[in-house]
Amino acid sequence: MLEHAVCPSRRLSSRIKTPPGIWVYWLCDERADLSPVQNVSLGGVFLDTPKARPIDSRAEIHFCVQEGQIRTEGIVRHVAPGRGLGLKFTAIKEPDRPNLIRLMDRLRSLSQEAVSRSALFPTPSARLAWS
C-alpha cells in the first residue's frame, strides 16, 4: 500500500491567493511602501515586493480594500529575495477585525468561484485528456 507523507503546516489558518487589486500600504524600518498582496490568511500576509527587510523587523500594515479600514501590526517572518516578504500579524486594531473577516470571506468566495468555473470550462489541454 502506497502511503503519502503529510507535512503538517505551522499555520493556524490557510492562505488564500488574492486576485489582482488587493494592496497594502506598509511601514517598516522607517520606510513606507505600497505593495500588492500575493496571499493572505487570518495570521499574516505575503507581499509582492522586491524590497527585502530583515527577519523580525516590525511593520505597520494598512489594507487598501473595499471592506473598509484594516490596520494591523506585523513582524517579518519570511524573505524571498526579489519576490516578497511574509509578515505574521501580531496585532489587529479591534474596530478593523470585522473588516478583515469580511475580506477573507470575499476572497474565499472568489477562490471557490474560480475553482467551480475551471471545472465547468476546462482548458483545451484538459479537454484533450478527457477524450
Foldseek 3Di string as FASTA:
>chain_A
DDDDDDDDDPDPWDKFAADPPKWKWKAWPNDIDIFHWGIATPFWTKTFDQDDDDFQTKMWIWIDDPLDTKIFIWTFHDDDHRGTTITTTPGTPVVCVVSVVVVVVVRVVVVVVVVVVCVVPPDPVVVVVVD
